[in-house]
N, C-alpha and C. Protein backbone atom coordinates (compact mmCIF):
# COMPACT_ATOMS: atom_id res chain seq x y z
N GLN A 1 77.63 110.60 34.81
CA GLN A 1 76.56 111.56 34.93
C GLN A 1 76.43 112.07 36.37
N PHE A 2 76.47 111.19 37.34
CA PHE A 2 76.33 111.61 38.73
C PHE A 2 77.61 112.21 39.28
N GLU A 3 78.69 112.06 38.58
CA GLU A 3 79.97 112.64 39.02
C GLU A 3 79.85 114.16 39.16
N ARG A 4 78.97 114.77 38.38
CA ARG A 4 78.79 116.22 38.46
C ARG A 4 78.26 116.66 39.82
N LEU A 5 77.64 115.75 40.56
CA LEU A 5 77.10 116.08 41.87
C LEU A 5 78.10 115.86 43.00
N ARG A 6 79.29 115.37 42.69
CA ARG A 6 80.30 115.16 43.72
C ARG A 6 80.79 116.52 44.21
N PRO A 7 80.74 116.74 45.52
CA PRO A 7 81.18 118.04 46.05
C PRO A 7 82.70 118.18 45.96
N SER A 8 83.16 119.39 45.72
CA SER A 8 84.61 119.60 45.69
C SER A 8 85.17 119.58 47.12
N ASP A 9 84.36 119.90 48.10
CA ASP A 9 84.78 119.83 49.49
C ASP A 9 83.95 118.74 50.18
N GLU A 10 84.43 117.52 50.09
CA GLU A 10 83.68 116.38 50.61
C GLU A 10 83.53 116.42 52.13
N ALA A 11 84.51 116.96 52.82
CA ALA A 11 84.40 117.07 54.28
C ALA A 11 83.28 118.02 54.67
N ALA A 12 83.17 119.14 53.97
CA ALA A 12 82.08 120.08 54.25
C ALA A 12 80.74 119.45 53.94
N ALA A 13 80.67 118.72 52.84
CA ALA A 13 79.42 118.04 52.48
C ALA A 13 79.01 117.06 53.57
N GLU A 14 79.95 116.27 54.03
CA GLU A 14 79.65 115.29 55.08
C GLU A 14 79.18 115.98 56.37
N GLU A 15 79.85 117.06 56.73
CA GLU A 15 79.47 117.79 57.94
C GLU A 15 78.06 118.37 57.81
N LEU A 16 77.75 118.99 56.68
CA LEU A 16 76.46 119.65 56.53
C LEU A 16 75.31 118.65 56.38
N VAL A 17 75.54 117.58 55.66
CA VAL A 17 74.49 116.55 55.55
C VAL A 17 74.26 115.92 56.92
N GLY A 18 75.33 115.68 57.66
CA GLY A 18 75.19 115.15 59.02
C GLY A 18 74.44 116.10 59.92
N LEU A 19 74.70 117.40 59.79
CA LEU A 19 73.98 118.40 60.57
C LEU A 19 72.49 118.37 60.23
N CYS A 20 72.19 118.31 58.95
CA CYS A 20 70.79 118.29 58.52
C CYS A 20 70.09 117.03 58.99
N ASP A 21 70.75 115.90 58.88
CA ASP A 21 70.14 114.64 59.32
C ASP A 21 70.06 114.54 60.84
N GLY A 22 70.85 115.31 61.54
CA GLY A 22 70.92 115.21 62.99
C GLY A 22 70.27 116.39 63.69
N ARG A 23 71.11 117.27 64.14
CA ARG A 23 70.67 118.36 65.01
C ARG A 23 69.70 119.34 64.34
N LEU A 24 69.95 119.68 63.10
CA LEU A 24 69.07 120.62 62.40
C LEU A 24 67.67 120.03 62.26
N ALA A 25 67.59 118.76 61.88
CA ALA A 25 66.28 118.11 61.74
C ALA A 25 65.59 117.96 63.09
N SER A 26 66.32 117.55 64.11
CA SER A 26 65.67 117.34 65.41
C SER A 26 65.21 118.66 66.02
N GLU A 27 66.02 119.71 65.89
CA GLU A 27 65.61 121.02 66.40
C GLU A 27 64.45 121.58 65.58
N GLY A 28 64.48 121.38 64.27
CA GLY A 28 63.37 121.82 63.43
C GLY A 28 62.08 121.13 63.79
N ARG A 29 62.17 119.85 64.01
CA ARG A 29 60.98 119.08 64.40
C ARG A 29 60.43 119.60 65.74
N ARG A 30 61.33 119.84 66.67
CA ARG A 30 60.90 120.34 67.97
C ARG A 30 60.18 121.68 67.82
N LEU A 31 60.71 122.55 66.97
CA LEU A 31 60.06 123.84 66.74
C LEU A 31 58.68 123.67 66.12
N VAL A 32 58.59 122.86 65.09
CA VAL A 32 57.31 122.65 64.43
C VAL A 32 56.28 122.10 65.41
N GLU A 33 56.68 121.11 66.18
CA GLU A 33 55.74 120.49 67.12
C GLU A 33 55.34 121.44 68.24
N SER A 34 56.20 122.38 68.59
CA SER A 34 55.89 123.33 69.67
C SER A 34 55.14 124.56 69.18
N GLY A 35 55.16 124.78 67.87
CA GLY A 35 54.53 125.97 67.31
C GLY A 35 55.44 127.19 67.31
N ALA A 36 56.66 127.04 67.78
CA ALA A 36 57.63 128.15 67.79
C ALA A 36 58.25 128.29 66.40
N SER A 37 58.90 129.40 66.16
CA SER A 37 59.56 129.60 64.87
C SER A 37 61.08 129.71 64.98
N ARG A 38 61.59 129.85 66.22
CA ARG A 38 63.04 129.99 66.42
C ARG A 38 63.43 129.41 67.76
N SER A 39 64.70 129.04 67.84
CA SER A 39 65.32 128.68 69.11
C SER A 39 66.81 128.95 68.96
N ASP A 40 67.48 129.11 70.08
CA ASP A 40 68.93 129.36 70.03
C ASP A 40 69.65 128.20 69.36
N ALA A 41 69.26 126.97 69.68
CA ALA A 41 69.92 125.79 69.10
C ALA A 41 69.69 125.72 67.59
N PHE A 42 68.48 126.02 67.14
CA PHE A 42 68.17 125.98 65.71
C PHE A 42 68.94 127.09 64.98
N ASP A 43 68.95 128.28 65.58
CA ASP A 43 69.70 129.39 64.98
C ASP A 43 71.18 129.05 64.85
N GLU A 44 71.73 128.38 65.84
CA GLU A 44 73.14 127.98 65.79
C GLU A 44 73.39 127.05 64.60
N CYS A 45 72.49 126.12 64.37
CA CYS A 45 72.62 125.21 63.22
C CYS A 45 72.58 125.98 61.91
N LEU A 46 71.64 126.92 61.81
CA LEU A 46 71.52 127.72 60.59
C LEU A 46 72.76 128.59 60.39
N ARG A 47 73.34 129.06 61.46
CA ARG A 47 74.57 129.85 61.34
C ARG A 47 75.75 129.00 60.86
N THR A 48 75.74 127.73 61.20
CA THR A 48 76.76 126.81 60.69
C THR A 48 76.63 126.68 59.17
N VAL A 49 75.41 126.56 58.69
CA VAL A 49 75.17 126.49 57.24
C VAL A 49 75.58 127.82 56.60
N ASP A 50 75.20 128.92 57.22
CA ASP A 50 75.56 130.25 56.71
C ASP A 50 77.08 130.40 56.59
N ALA A 51 77.81 129.93 57.59
CA ALA A 51 79.28 130.03 57.57
C ALA A 51 79.88 129.23 56.42
N ALA A 52 79.26 128.12 56.07
CA ALA A 52 79.76 127.31 54.95
C ALA A 52 79.63 128.07 53.63
N LEU A 53 78.71 129.00 53.57
CA LEU A 53 78.46 129.76 52.34
C LEU A 53 79.23 131.08 52.29
N GLU A 54 79.99 131.35 53.30
CA GLU A 54 80.68 132.63 53.40
C GLU A 54 81.63 132.89 52.23
N SER A 55 82.32 131.86 51.79
CA SER A 55 83.32 132.06 50.73
C SER A 55 83.04 131.24 49.48
N ARG A 56 81.82 130.75 49.35
CA ARG A 56 81.50 129.97 48.14
C ARG A 56 80.03 130.11 47.80
N GLU A 57 79.72 129.76 46.58
CA GLU A 57 78.36 129.92 46.07
C GLU A 57 77.43 128.78 46.49
N PHE A 58 77.99 127.60 46.70
CA PHE A 58 77.20 126.43 47.08
C PHE A 58 77.73 125.86 48.39
N LEU A 59 77.00 124.92 48.95
CA LEU A 59 77.32 124.44 50.30
C LEU A 59 78.67 123.75 50.43
N ALA A 60 79.06 123.01 49.41
CA ALA A 60 80.30 122.23 49.53
C ALA A 60 81.21 122.42 48.32
N GLY A 61 81.23 123.63 47.79
CA GLY A 61 82.11 123.89 46.67
C GLY A 61 81.57 124.96 45.74
N ASP A 62 82.07 124.93 44.51
CA ASP A 62 81.72 125.96 43.54
C ASP A 62 80.60 125.53 42.59
N ALA A 63 79.99 124.39 42.85
CA ALA A 63 78.90 123.91 42.00
C ALA A 63 77.87 123.17 42.86
N PHE A 64 76.66 123.10 42.38
CA PHE A 64 75.60 122.37 43.06
C PHE A 64 76.03 120.91 43.20
N SER A 65 75.88 120.36 44.43
CA SER A 65 76.34 119.00 44.68
C SER A 65 75.29 118.25 45.50
N VAL A 66 75.64 117.03 45.88
CA VAL A 66 74.73 116.23 46.70
C VAL A 66 74.44 116.93 48.04
N ALA A 67 75.38 117.71 48.54
CA ALA A 67 75.13 118.45 49.78
C ALA A 67 73.96 119.41 49.59
N ASP A 68 73.96 120.12 48.49
CA ASP A 68 72.86 121.04 48.20
C ASP A 68 71.56 120.27 48.00
N ALA A 69 71.63 119.18 47.27
CA ALA A 69 70.42 118.38 47.01
C ALA A 69 69.82 117.86 48.31
N CYS A 70 70.64 117.55 49.28
CA CYS A 70 70.14 117.06 50.58
C CYS A 70 69.55 118.18 51.43
N LEU A 71 70.19 119.32 51.45
CA LEU A 71 69.76 120.38 52.36
C LEU A 71 68.72 121.34 51.79
N VAL A 72 68.70 121.53 50.48
CA VAL A 72 67.80 122.53 49.89
C VAL A 72 66.33 122.30 50.26
N PRO A 73 65.79 121.11 50.14
CA PRO A 73 64.36 120.96 50.50
C PRO A 73 64.08 121.39 51.94
N PHE A 74 64.93 120.99 52.84
CA PHE A 74 64.76 121.35 54.25
C PHE A 74 64.89 122.86 54.43
N LEU A 75 65.94 123.45 53.87
CA LEU A 75 66.19 124.88 54.06
C LEU A 75 65.10 125.75 53.45
N LEU A 76 64.56 125.34 52.31
CA LEU A 76 63.48 126.11 51.70
C LEU A 76 62.23 126.07 52.58
N ARG A 77 61.95 124.94 53.21
CA ARG A 77 60.81 124.87 54.13
C ARG A 77 61.06 125.71 55.38
N VAL A 78 62.29 125.71 55.85
CA VAL A 78 62.63 126.56 56.99
C VAL A 78 62.37 128.01 56.63
N GLU A 79 62.82 128.40 55.45
CA GLU A 79 62.63 129.78 55.00
C GLU A 79 61.14 130.14 54.92
N GLU A 80 60.32 129.20 54.48
CA GLU A 80 58.89 129.45 54.31
C GLU A 80 58.13 129.46 55.64
N ARG A 81 58.48 128.56 56.55
CA ARG A 81 57.63 128.32 57.71
C ARG A 81 58.22 128.70 59.06
N LEU A 82 59.52 128.77 59.15
CA LEU A 82 60.16 129.10 60.41
C LEU A 82 60.87 130.44 60.24
N ALA A 83 61.97 130.64 60.91
CA ALA A 83 62.68 131.91 60.82
C ALA A 83 64.17 131.67 60.66
N ILE A 84 64.74 132.36 59.71
CA ILE A 84 66.19 132.35 59.53
C ILE A 84 66.73 133.62 60.17
N PRO A 85 67.74 133.50 61.02
CA PRO A 85 68.27 134.70 61.68
C PRO A 85 68.67 135.77 60.67
N ALA A 86 68.43 137.01 61.03
CA ALA A 86 68.73 138.13 60.15
C ALA A 86 70.21 138.19 59.78
N ASP A 87 71.08 137.71 60.66
CA ASP A 87 72.51 137.79 60.37
C ASP A 87 73.00 136.68 59.43
N CYS A 88 72.14 135.81 58.99
CA CYS A 88 72.52 134.73 58.06
C CYS A 88 72.34 135.19 56.62
N GLN A 89 73.06 136.25 56.27
CA GLN A 89 72.90 136.85 54.94
C GLN A 89 73.39 135.96 53.81
N ASP A 90 74.45 135.19 54.03
CA ASP A 90 74.93 134.29 52.97
C ASP A 90 73.92 133.18 52.73
N LEU A 91 73.31 132.67 53.78
CA LEU A 91 72.28 131.65 53.64
C LEU A 91 71.06 132.22 52.92
N ARG A 92 70.65 133.41 53.26
CA ARG A 92 69.52 134.05 52.60
C ARG A 92 69.79 134.26 51.11
N ALA A 93 70.99 134.70 50.77
CA ALA A 93 71.35 134.91 49.36
C ALA A 93 71.39 133.58 48.61
N TYR A 94 71.92 132.56 49.24
CA TYR A 94 71.97 131.21 48.66
C TYR A 94 70.55 130.71 48.36
N LEU A 95 69.66 130.85 49.32
CA LEU A 95 68.29 130.38 49.11
C LEU A 95 67.59 131.16 48.01
N ALA A 96 67.87 132.44 47.89
CA ALA A 96 67.30 133.23 46.79
C ALA A 96 67.81 132.72 45.45
N ARG A 97 69.10 132.41 45.35
CA ARG A 97 69.66 131.86 44.09
C ARG A 97 69.04 130.51 43.77
N VAL A 98 68.95 129.66 44.78
CA VAL A 98 68.40 128.32 44.57
C VAL A 98 66.93 128.41 44.17
N ARG A 99 66.18 129.24 44.86
CA ARG A 99 64.75 129.37 44.56
C ARG A 99 64.53 129.90 43.14
N ALA A 100 65.43 130.74 42.65
CA ALA A 100 65.31 131.30 41.30
C ALA A 100 65.68 130.30 40.21
N ASP A 101 66.32 129.21 40.57
CA ASP A 101 66.75 128.21 39.60
C ASP A 101 65.54 127.36 39.19
N PRO A 102 65.14 127.38 37.93
CA PRO A 102 63.95 126.62 37.52
C PRO A 102 64.09 125.11 37.71
N ARG A 103 65.31 124.61 37.72
CA ARG A 103 65.50 123.17 37.95
C ARG A 103 65.06 122.78 39.35
N VAL A 104 65.30 123.66 40.31
CA VAL A 104 64.88 123.39 41.68
C VAL A 104 63.36 123.45 41.78
N GLY A 105 62.76 124.44 41.16
CA GLY A 105 61.31 124.57 41.19
C GLY A 105 60.59 123.37 40.62
N ARG A 106 61.17 122.75 39.62
CA ARG A 106 60.55 121.56 39.01
C ARG A 106 60.64 120.33 39.89
N THR A 107 61.52 120.34 40.87
CA THR A 107 61.70 119.16 41.71
C THR A 107 61.12 119.31 43.11
N MET A 108 60.63 120.48 43.45
CA MET A 108 60.11 120.74 44.80
C MET A 108 58.59 120.76 44.79
N PRO A 109 57.95 119.75 45.36
CA PRO A 109 56.49 119.80 45.46
C PRO A 109 56.07 120.89 46.45
N ALA A 110 54.98 121.54 46.16
CA ALA A 110 54.52 122.64 47.00
C ALA A 110 53.68 122.16 48.18
N SER A 111 53.27 120.92 48.18
CA SER A 111 52.26 120.49 49.14
C SER A 111 52.80 119.80 50.39
N TRP A 112 54.08 119.57 50.51
CA TRP A 112 54.58 118.87 51.69
C TRP A 112 55.26 119.84 52.64
N TRP A 113 55.35 119.42 53.86
CA TRP A 113 56.01 120.25 54.86
C TRP A 113 57.22 119.51 55.39
N TRP A 114 57.12 118.74 56.43
CA TRP A 114 58.24 117.99 56.97
C TRP A 114 58.08 116.53 56.63
N TRP A 115 59.13 115.80 56.72
CA TRP A 115 59.09 114.39 56.31
C TRP A 115 58.96 113.43 57.49
N TRP A 116 58.78 113.91 58.69
CA TRP A 116 58.62 112.99 59.80
C TRP A 116 57.17 112.79 60.13
């Protein structure tokens, strides 16, 4: 059953989950705590995610995987509360697809913000 969540590109999944757990989370936290909505370092992280979506529909392959499950909650909050660079069109399209998926809506509580 969980095999369906295995990414077809495991290296990309590992890189993106590591980014989210590391630099993306720390830069996001810094922005939230400062009251800012953007920084060059945060934008660079988001552009890395955008680049992963350039030639595929999901973060680490052609189907929703654990990489998506890890990053979607964070990215949706970024979209709601911070700023995604205008040039991150693949990321914006991805978030629109994910947000439109009723399965995602059923798993995302509306009342939380960050987890730190």
